[in-house]
Amino acid sequence: MQKSDDKDYGLEALEEIMSVMDSGKIVVIFAGYSEPMKRVISSNEGFCRRVTKFFHFENFSSKDLAKIYHLKMTNQADSSLLYGFKLSPSCSIDAVAALIAEETTEKQRKEMNGGLVDPMLVNARENLDLRLSFECIDSDELLTITLEDLKVGLQLLSK
């Protein structure tokens, strides 16, 4: 719901997008969740006529999310909050998938989908920081995220 003093630029944006689409020189791809996208597309008859192809992608399974998690941990960018951190050997794809299935609801996985992975990782890293004692000098232990860290990370998402 728009506040009365807010200007809604949505219609103006749609008109600009439609003019680009009409040029025939560019392909425009819109991505989003099904219901909000249906509302946007049906909000303007001209827009509705111009958008003719739809692709639906299924939500990620717990195993898919675990694979994404592993990819993020093994292909870290220097700018990543988790740069230099590694996984405990107990964090296999199957173990992480089982943990995701146990600690999240189907509704939560559907709503967050792939967006579940990053906050889970950040929460797990924060739990690692809290779990370690000040006397810890083992660099492996300081940089290793465990299954327990991930469990706490997922539990924090539900709060």
N, C-alpha and C. Protein backbone atom coordinates (compact mmCIF):
# COMPACT_ATOMS: atom_id res chain seq x y z
N MET A 1 0.84 -1.18 0.00
CA MET A 1 0.00 0.00 0.00
C MET A 1 0.89 1.24 0.00
N GLN A 2 0.68 2.14 -0.94
CA GLN A 2 1.44 3.38 -1.04
C GLN A 2 0.90 4.39 -0.03
N LYS A 3 1.79 5.14 0.58
CA LYS A 3 1.38 6.27 1.39
C LYS A 3 0.94 7.37 0.42
N SER A 4 0.03 8.22 0.87
CA SER A 4 -0.51 9.24 -0.02
C SER A 4 0.55 10.24 -0.49
N ASP A 5 1.61 10.45 0.30
CA ASP A 5 2.62 11.41 -0.10
C ASP A 5 3.77 10.78 -0.89
N ASP A 6 3.74 9.45 -1.07
CA ASP A 6 4.77 8.76 -1.86
C ASP A 6 4.39 8.76 -3.33
N LYS A 7 5.35 8.95 -4.20
CA LYS A 7 5.10 8.87 -5.64
C LYS A 7 5.43 7.44 -6.07
N ASP A 8 4.51 6.81 -6.77
CA ASP A 8 4.72 5.46 -7.28
C ASP A 8 5.27 5.57 -8.69
N TYR A 9 6.49 5.14 -8.86
CA TYR A 9 7.13 5.21 -10.17
C TYR A 9 6.97 3.92 -10.97
N GLY A 10 6.18 2.98 -10.45
CA GLY A 10 6.01 1.69 -11.11
C GLY A 10 5.44 1.80 -12.51
N LEU A 11 4.39 2.57 -12.67
CA LEU A 11 3.77 2.71 -13.99
C LEU A 11 4.71 3.41 -14.97
N GLU A 12 5.40 4.41 -14.48
CA GLU A 12 6.37 5.12 -15.32
C GLU A 12 7.49 4.16 -15.76
N ALA A 13 7.93 3.33 -14.84
CA ALA A 13 8.97 2.35 -15.17
C ALA A 13 8.46 1.35 -16.20
N LEU A 14 7.21 0.87 -16.03
CA LEU A 14 6.64 -0.07 -17.00
C LEU A 14 6.56 0.54 -18.39
N GLU A 15 6.16 1.79 -18.48
CA GLU A 15 6.08 2.45 -19.79
C GLU A 15 7.46 2.54 -20.44
N GLU A 16 8.46 2.85 -19.66
CA GLU A 16 9.83 2.94 -20.20
C GLU A 16 10.30 1.56 -20.66
N ILE A 17 10.04 0.54 -19.88
CA ILE A 17 10.43 -0.82 -20.25
C ILE A 17 9.72 -1.24 -21.53
N MET A 18 8.42 -0.92 -21.63
CA MET A 18 7.67 -1.28 -22.84
C MET A 18 8.24 -0.60 -24.07
N SER A 19 8.67 0.64 -23.95
CA SER A 19 9.24 1.33 -25.12
C SER A 19 10.53 0.66 -25.56
N VAL A 20 11.31 0.16 -24.63
CA VAL A 20 12.54 -0.57 -24.98
C VAL A 20 12.18 -1.90 -25.63
N MET A 21 11.16 -2.56 -25.10
CA MET A 21 10.73 -3.85 -25.65
C MET A 21 10.24 -3.69 -27.08
N ASP A 22 9.58 -2.59 -27.36
CA ASP A 22 9.03 -2.35 -28.70
C ASP A 22 10.10 -2.15 -29.75
N SER A 23 11.29 -1.77 -29.35
CA SER A 23 12.36 -1.51 -30.32
C SER A 23 12.78 -2.80 -31.03
N GLY A 24 12.55 -3.93 -30.40
CA GLY A 24 12.90 -5.21 -31.01
C GLY A 24 14.39 -5.50 -31.00
N LYS A 25 15.18 -4.63 -30.41
CA LYS A 25 16.63 -4.80 -30.40
C LYS A 25 17.16 -5.41 -29.11
N ILE A 26 16.28 -5.65 -28.20
CA ILE A 26 16.73 -6.11 -26.89
C ILE A 26 15.74 -7.13 -26.33
N VAL A 27 16.25 -8.07 -25.59
CA VAL A 27 15.42 -9.04 -24.89
C VAL A 27 15.40 -8.61 -23.43
N VAL A 28 14.22 -8.54 -22.86
CA VAL A 28 14.08 -8.14 -21.46
C VAL A 28 13.66 -9.37 -20.67
N ILE A 29 14.40 -9.64 -19.61
CA ILE A 29 14.09 -10.78 -18.75
C ILE A 29 13.66 -10.26 -17.39
N PHE A 30 12.50 -10.69 -16.93
CA PHE A 30 11.98 -10.33 -15.62
C PHE A 30 12.07 -11.58 -14.76
N ALA A 31 12.55 -11.43 -13.56
CA ALA A 31 12.66 -12.58 -12.65
C ALA A 31 12.03 -12.21 -11.32
N GLY A 32 11.36 -13.17 -10.74
CA GLY A 32 10.74 -12.95 -9.44
C GLY A 32 9.88 -14.12 -9.05
N TYR A 33 9.29 -14.02 -7.89
CA TYR A 33 8.40 -15.07 -7.44
C TYR A 33 7.09 -15.00 -8.23
N SER A 34 6.47 -16.15 -8.43
CA SER A 34 5.32 -16.28 -9.34
C SER A 34 4.20 -15.28 -9.09
N GLU A 35 3.67 -15.23 -7.90
CA GLU A 35 2.50 -14.38 -7.64
C GLU A 35 2.80 -12.90 -7.81
N PRO A 36 3.88 -12.37 -7.23
CA PRO A 36 4.17 -10.95 -7.47
C PRO A 36 4.41 -10.64 -8.94
N MET A 37 5.06 -11.55 -9.67
CA MET A 37 5.31 -11.32 -11.09
C MET A 37 4.00 -11.29 -11.87
N LYS A 38 3.07 -12.18 -11.52
CA LYS A 38 1.76 -12.19 -12.19
C LYS A 38 1.06 -10.85 -11.99
N ARG A 39 1.15 -10.30 -10.77
CA ARG A 39 0.50 -9.01 -10.50
C ARG A 39 1.14 -7.90 -11.32
N VAL A 40 2.45 -7.90 -11.42
CA VAL A 40 3.14 -6.85 -12.19
C VAL A 40 2.76 -6.94 -13.66
N ILE A 41 2.83 -8.14 -14.20
CA ILE A 41 2.56 -8.32 -15.64
C ILE A 41 1.11 -7.98 -15.97
N SER A 42 0.18 -8.35 -15.10
CA SER A 42 -1.23 -8.09 -15.40
C SER A 42 -1.64 -6.65 -15.05
N SER A 43 -0.74 -5.88 -14.48
CA SER A 43 -1.08 -4.51 -14.07
C SER A 43 -1.27 -3.56 -15.25
N ASN A 44 -0.82 -3.96 -16.43
CA ASN A 44 -0.92 -3.09 -17.60
C ASN A 44 -1.20 -3.97 -18.82
N GLU A 45 -2.28 -3.68 -19.52
CA GLU A 45 -2.68 -4.52 -20.66
C GLU A 45 -1.59 -4.57 -21.74
N GLY A 46 -0.97 -3.44 -22.02
CA GLY A 46 0.09 -3.41 -23.02
C GLY A 46 1.29 -4.22 -22.61
N PHE A 47 1.58 -4.19 -21.34
CA PHE A 47 2.71 -4.95 -20.81
C PHE A 47 2.41 -6.44 -20.91
N CYS A 48 1.18 -6.78 -20.58
CA CYS A 48 0.72 -8.17 -20.62
C CYS A 48 0.89 -8.76 -22.03
N ARG A 49 0.59 -7.97 -23.06
CA ARG A 49 0.74 -8.44 -24.45
C ARG A 49 2.20 -8.65 -24.84
N ARG A 50 3.08 -7.88 -24.28
CA ARG A 50 4.49 -7.93 -24.68
C ARG A 50 5.27 -9.05 -23.99
N VAL A 51 4.81 -9.48 -22.85
CA VAL A 51 5.49 -10.55 -22.11
C VAL A 51 4.81 -11.86 -22.49
N THR A 52 5.50 -12.66 -23.31
CA THR A 52 4.84 -13.83 -23.90
C THR A 52 5.46 -15.16 -23.49
N LYS A 53 6.64 -15.15 -22.94
CA LYS A 53 7.30 -16.41 -22.56
C LYS A 53 7.50 -16.44 -21.05
N PHE A 54 7.17 -17.57 -20.46
CA PHE A 54 7.30 -17.73 -19.02
C PHE A 54 8.07 -19.02 -18.73
N PHE A 55 8.97 -18.96 -17.79
CA PHE A 55 9.72 -20.13 -17.35
C PHE A 55 9.54 -20.24 -15.84
N HIS A 56 9.15 -21.41 -15.41
CA HIS A 56 8.95 -21.63 -13.98
C HIS A 56 10.05 -22.57 -13.48
N PHE A 57 10.71 -22.16 -12.43
CA PHE A 57 11.76 -22.99 -11.84
C PHE A 57 11.28 -23.47 -10.48
N GLU A 58 11.47 -24.74 -10.24
CA GLU A 58 11.07 -25.32 -8.95
C GLU A 58 11.96 -24.76 -7.84
N ASN A 59 11.42 -24.76 -6.62
CA ASN A 59 12.21 -24.35 -5.47
C ASN A 59 13.34 -25.34 -5.25
N PHE A 60 14.40 -24.87 -4.62
CA PHE A 60 15.53 -25.75 -4.31
C PHE A 60 15.14 -26.75 -3.23
N SER A 61 15.61 -27.96 -3.37
CA SER A 61 15.44 -28.96 -2.32
C SER A 61 16.49 -28.72 -1.24
N SER A 62 16.37 -29.42 -0.13
CA SER A 62 17.37 -29.31 0.94
C SER A 62 18.75 -29.71 0.42
N LYS A 63 18.78 -30.71 -0.44
CA LYS A 63 20.06 -31.15 -1.01
C LYS A 63 20.64 -30.08 -1.95
N ASP A 64 19.77 -29.45 -2.74
CA ASP A 64 20.23 -28.35 -3.61
C ASP A 64 20.83 -27.23 -2.77
N LEU A 65 20.15 -26.88 -1.67
CA LEU A 65 20.65 -25.81 -0.80
C LEU A 65 21.99 -26.20 -0.18
N ALA A 66 22.14 -27.46 0.18
CA ALA A 66 23.42 -27.93 0.73
C ALA A 66 24.52 -27.84 -0.32
N LYS A 67 24.19 -28.14 -1.57
CA LYS A 67 25.18 -28.02 -2.64
C LYS A 67 25.59 -26.57 -2.85
N ILE A 68 24.61 -25.66 -2.80
CA ILE A 68 24.91 -24.23 -2.92
C ILE A 68 25.84 -23.81 -1.78
N TYR A 69 25.51 -24.26 -0.59
CA TYR A 69 26.33 -23.98 0.59
C TYR A 69 27.77 -24.44 0.36
N HIS A 70 27.94 -25.66 -0.11
CA HIS A 70 29.29 -26.19 -0.36
C HIS A 70 30.01 -25.39 -1.44
N LEU A 71 29.31 -25.02 -2.49
CA LEU A 71 29.92 -24.20 -3.54
C LEU A 71 30.40 -22.86 -2.99
N LYS A 72 29.58 -22.23 -2.17
CA LYS A 72 29.96 -20.95 -1.59
C LYS A 72 31.18 -21.09 -0.68
N MET A 73 31.26 -22.18 0.03
CA MET A 73 32.39 -22.37 0.95
C MET A 73 33.67 -22.76 0.21
N THR A 74 33.55 -23.43 -0.92
CA THR A 74 34.76 -23.85 -1.64
C THR A 74 35.21 -22.85 -2.69
N ASN A 75 34.34 -21.94 -3.09
CA ASN A 75 34.69 -20.92 -4.11
C ASN A 75 34.53 -19.53 -3.52
N GLN A 76 35.26 -19.24 -2.47
CA GLN A 76 35.11 -17.97 -1.78
C GLN A 76 35.87 -16.84 -2.47
N ALA A 77 35.21 -15.71 -2.54
CA ALA A 77 35.87 -14.50 -3.04
C ALA A 77 36.59 -13.83 -1.88
N ASP A 78 37.61 -13.05 -2.20
CA ASP A 78 38.35 -12.33 -1.16
C ASP A 78 37.44 -11.44 -0.32
N SER A 79 36.37 -10.96 -0.92
CA SER A 79 35.46 -10.04 -0.24
C SER A 79 34.40 -10.75 0.60
N SER A 80 34.37 -12.07 0.54
CA SER A 80 33.37 -12.85 1.27
C SER A 80 33.58 -12.72 2.78
N LEU A 81 32.47 -12.67 3.51
CA LEU A 81 32.53 -12.66 4.97
C LEU A 81 33.12 -13.95 5.51
N LEU A 82 33.13 -14.97 4.68
CA LEU A 82 33.62 -16.28 5.11
C LEU A 82 34.97 -16.62 4.50
N TYR A 83 35.64 -15.63 3.92
CA TYR A 83 36.94 -15.88 3.28
C TYR A 83 37.92 -16.48 4.29
N GLY A 84 38.50 -17.59 3.92
CA GLY A 84 39.46 -18.26 4.79
C GLY A 84 38.86 -19.31 5.70
N PHE A 85 37.55 -19.29 5.86
CA PHE A 85 36.91 -20.29 6.70
C PHE A 85 36.71 -21.57 5.90
N LYS A 86 36.64 -22.68 6.61
CA LYS A 86 36.45 -23.96 5.94
C LYS A 86 35.42 -24.78 6.70
N LEU A 87 35.05 -25.88 6.08
CA LEU A 87 34.04 -26.77 6.66
C LEU A 87 34.69 -27.91 7.42
N SER A 88 34.06 -28.28 8.49
CA SER A 88 34.45 -29.48 9.20
C SER A 88 34.15 -30.67 8.29
N PRO A 89 34.94 -31.74 8.37
CA PRO A 89 34.64 -32.93 7.56
C PRO A 89 33.23 -33.49 7.80
N SER A 90 32.64 -33.18 8.95
CA SER A 90 31.29 -33.66 9.25
C SER A 90 30.22 -32.95 8.42
N CYS A 91 30.59 -31.87 7.74
CA CYS A 91 29.64 -31.07 6.96
C CYS A 91 29.54 -31.54 5.52
N SER A 92 29.27 -32.82 5.34
CA SER A 92 29.09 -33.34 3.99
C SER A 92 27.80 -32.77 3.40
N ILE A 93 27.65 -32.88 2.11
CA ILE A 93 26.43 -32.39 1.47
C ILE A 93 25.20 -33.08 2.06
N ASP A 94 25.28 -34.40 2.25
CA ASP A 94 24.14 -35.14 2.80
C ASP A 94 23.83 -34.71 4.23
N ALA A 95 24.87 -34.50 5.04
CA ALA A 95 24.66 -34.09 6.43
C ALA A 95 24.04 -32.69 6.50
N VAL A 96 24.52 -31.78 5.67
CA VAL A 96 23.97 -30.42 5.65
C VAL A 96 22.54 -30.44 5.12
N ALA A 97 22.27 -31.26 4.10
CA ALA A 97 20.91 -31.37 3.55
C ALA A 97 19.95 -31.88 4.62
N ALA A 98 20.36 -32.88 5.37
CA ALA A 98 19.52 -33.43 6.45
C ALA A 98 19.27 -32.36 7.52
N LEU A 99 20.30 -31.60 7.83
CA LEU A 99 20.18 -30.54 8.83
C LEU A 99 19.20 -29.46 8.36
N ILE A 100 19.31 -29.06 7.11
CA ILE A 100 18.40 -28.05 6.55
C ILE A 100 16.96 -28.57 6.60
N ALA A 101 16.76 -29.82 6.24
CA ALA A 101 15.42 -30.42 6.26
C ALA A 101 14.86 -30.46 7.69
N GLU A 102 15.72 -30.74 8.68
CA GLU A 102 15.27 -30.84 10.08
C GLU A 102 15.01 -29.48 10.71
N GLU A 103 15.86 -28.51 10.41
CA GLU A 103 15.84 -27.24 11.13
C GLU A 103 15.03 -26.13 10.46
N THR A 104 14.52 -26.38 9.27
CA THR A 104 13.69 -25.38 8.60
C THR A 104 12.36 -26.00 8.22
N THR A 105 11.38 -25.15 8.06
CA THR A 105 10.08 -25.65 7.63
C THR A 105 10.02 -25.59 6.10
N GLU A 106 9.09 -26.33 5.55
CA GLU A 106 8.89 -26.30 4.09
C GLU A 106 8.53 -24.88 3.65
N LYS A 107 7.69 -24.23 4.45
CA LYS A 107 7.29 -22.85 4.14
C LYS A 107 8.51 -21.92 4.13
N GLN A 108 9.37 -22.08 5.10
CA GLN A 108 10.58 -21.24 5.18
C GLN A 108 11.49 -21.49 3.97
N ARG A 109 11.66 -22.76 3.61
CA ARG A 109 12.51 -23.08 2.45
C ARG A 109 11.90 -22.52 1.16
N LYS A 110 10.57 -22.58 1.07
CA LYS A 110 9.89 -22.07 -0.13
C LYS A 110 10.03 -20.55 -0.22
N GLU A 111 9.83 -19.87 0.89
CA GLU A 111 9.89 -18.40 0.89
C GLU A 111 11.31 -17.88 0.70
N MET A 112 12.28 -18.52 1.34
CA MET A 112 13.66 -18.02 1.27
C MET A 112 14.41 -18.61 0.09
N ASN A 113 14.07 -19.86 -0.25
CA ASN A 113 14.70 -20.58 -1.35
C ASN A 113 16.23 -20.46 -1.24
N GLY A 114 16.92 -20.06 -2.30
CA GLY A 114 18.38 -19.96 -2.26
C GLY A 114 18.87 -18.87 -1.32
N GLY A 115 17.98 -17.94 -0.97
CA GLY A 115 18.34 -16.87 -0.04
C GLY A 115 18.54 -17.36 1.38
N LEU A 116 18.27 -18.62 1.63
CA LEU A 116 18.46 -19.20 2.95
C LEU A 116 19.95 -19.40 3.25
N VAL A 117 20.75 -19.62 2.22
CA VAL A 117 22.14 -20.03 2.41
C VAL A 117 23.01 -18.94 3.05
N ASP A 118 22.98 -17.73 2.53
CA ASP A 118 23.87 -16.68 3.04
C ASP A 118 23.63 -16.36 4.52
N PRO A 119 22.38 -16.12 4.94
CA PRO A 119 22.19 -15.84 6.37
C PRO A 119 22.56 -17.04 7.24
N MET A 120 22.32 -18.25 6.74
CA MET A 120 22.72 -19.44 7.50
C MET A 120 24.23 -19.44 7.72
N LEU A 121 24.98 -19.11 6.67
CA LEU A 121 26.44 -19.09 6.76
C LEU A 121 26.93 -18.00 7.71
N VAL A 122 26.35 -16.82 7.61
CA VAL A 122 26.76 -15.73 8.49
C VAL A 122 26.45 -16.08 9.94
N ASN A 123 25.26 -16.62 10.18
CA ASN A 123 24.89 -17.04 11.53
C ASN A 123 25.81 -18.13 12.05
N ALA A 124 26.18 -19.07 11.19
CA ALA A 124 27.08 -20.16 11.60
C ALA A 124 28.45 -19.60 11.98
N ARG A 125 28.92 -18.66 11.20
CA ARG A 125 30.22 -18.05 11.50
C ARG A 125 30.17 -17.29 12.84
N GLU A 126 29.06 -16.58 13.07
CA GLU A 126 28.91 -15.88 14.35
C GLU A 126 28.87 -16.87 15.50
N ASN A 127 28.22 -18.02 15.29
CA ASN A 127 28.19 -19.03 16.34
C ASN A 127 29.58 -19.58 16.60
N LEU A 128 30.36 -19.77 15.55
CA LEU A 128 31.75 -20.21 15.70
C LEU A 128 32.50 -19.24 16.61
N ASP A 129 32.33 -17.95 16.37
CA ASP A 129 33.00 -16.93 17.20
C ASP A 129 32.59 -17.04 18.65
N LEU A 130 31.30 -17.28 18.89
CA LEU A 130 30.81 -17.39 20.26
C LEU A 130 31.22 -18.70 20.92
N ARG A 131 31.32 -19.74 20.13
CA ARG A 131 31.63 -21.07 20.66
C ARG A 131 33.06 -21.20 21.13
N LEU A 132 33.97 -20.53 20.48
CA LEU A 132 35.38 -20.68 20.80
C LEU A 132 35.75 -19.93 22.08
N SER A 133 36.71 -20.50 22.78
CA SER A 133 37.18 -19.83 24.01
C SER A 133 38.29 -18.84 23.64
N PHE A 134 38.52 -17.88 24.52
CA PHE A 134 39.56 -16.88 24.28
C PHE A 134 40.96 -17.51 24.24
N GLU A 135 41.08 -18.66 24.87
CA GLU A 135 42.38 -19.32 24.92
C GLU A 135 42.70 -20.14 23.67
N CYS A 136 41.76 -20.26 22.77
CA CYS A 136 41.95 -21.07 21.58
C CYS A 136 43.06 -20.48 20.70
N ILE A 137 44.05 -21.30 20.41
CA ILE A 137 45.15 -20.84 19.54
C ILE A 137 45.31 -21.74 18.31
N ASP A 138 44.48 -22.74 18.18
CA ASP A 138 44.53 -23.66 17.05
C ASP A 138 43.88 -22.98 15.83
N SER A 139 44.68 -22.63 14.83
CA SER A 139 44.15 -21.90 13.67
C SER A 139 43.10 -22.70 12.92
N ASP A 140 43.24 -24.03 12.88
CA ASP A 140 42.22 -24.85 12.23
C ASP A 140 40.88 -24.71 12.94
N GLU A 141 40.93 -24.78 14.25
CA GLU A 141 39.70 -24.67 15.03
C GLU A 141 39.07 -23.28 14.90
N LEU A 142 39.91 -22.26 14.81
CA LEU A 142 39.43 -20.88 14.68
C LEU A 142 38.71 -20.63 13.36
N LEU A 143 39.02 -21.42 12.34
CA LEU A 143 38.49 -21.18 10.99
C LEU A 143 37.56 -22.28 10.48
N THR A 144 37.21 -23.24 11.33
CA THR A 144 36.41 -24.38 10.88
C THR A 144 34.97 -24.30 11.38
N ILE A 145 34.05 -24.24 10.44
CA ILE A 145 32.62 -24.23 10.74
C ILE A 145 32.15 -25.67 10.86
N THR A 146 31.48 -25.96 11.97
CA THR A 146 31.01 -27.32 12.24
C THR A 146 29.52 -27.46 11.93
N LEU A 147 29.07 -28.68 11.96
CA LEU A 147 27.64 -28.96 11.76
C LEU A 147 26.81 -28.29 12.86
N GLU A 148 27.34 -28.25 14.06
CA GLU A 148 26.65 -27.59 15.18
C GLU A 148 26.52 -26.08 14.92
N ASP A 149 27.56 -25.48 14.36
CA ASP A 149 27.49 -24.05 14.00
C ASP A 149 26.37 -23.83 12.98
N LEU A 150 26.29 -24.72 12.00
CA LEU A 150 25.24 -24.60 10.99
C LEU A 150 23.86 -24.79 11.60
N LYS A 151 23.75 -25.71 12.53
CA LYS A 151 22.46 -25.95 13.19
C LYS A 151 22.00 -24.68 13.90
N VAL A 152 22.89 -24.07 14.66
CA VAL A 152 22.55 -22.83 15.35
C VAL A 152 22.23 -21.74 14.33
N GLY A 153 22.99 -21.70 13.24
CA GLY A 153 22.75 -20.71 12.19
C GLY A 153 21.36 -20.84 11.61
N LEU A 154 20.91 -22.06 11.42
CA LEU A 154 19.55 -22.28 10.90
C LEU A 154 18.49 -21.96 11.94
N GLN A 155 18.76 -22.29 13.18
CA GLN A 155 17.79 -22.01 14.25
C GLN A 155 17.59 -20.51 14.41
N LEU A 156 18.65 -19.73 14.21
CA LEU A 156 18.54 -18.28 14.31
C LEU A 156 17.66 -17.68 13.21
N LEU A 157 17.57 -18.37 12.07
CA LEU A 157 16.70 -17.89 10.98
C LEU A 157 15.23 -17.94 11.36
N SER A 158 14.89 -18.84 12.26
CA SER A 158 13.49 -19.03 12.64
C SER A 158 13.03 -18.02 13.70
N LYS A 159 13.98 -17.32 14.28
CA LYS A 159 13.62 -16.37 15.37
C LYS A 159 13.19 -15.06 14.82
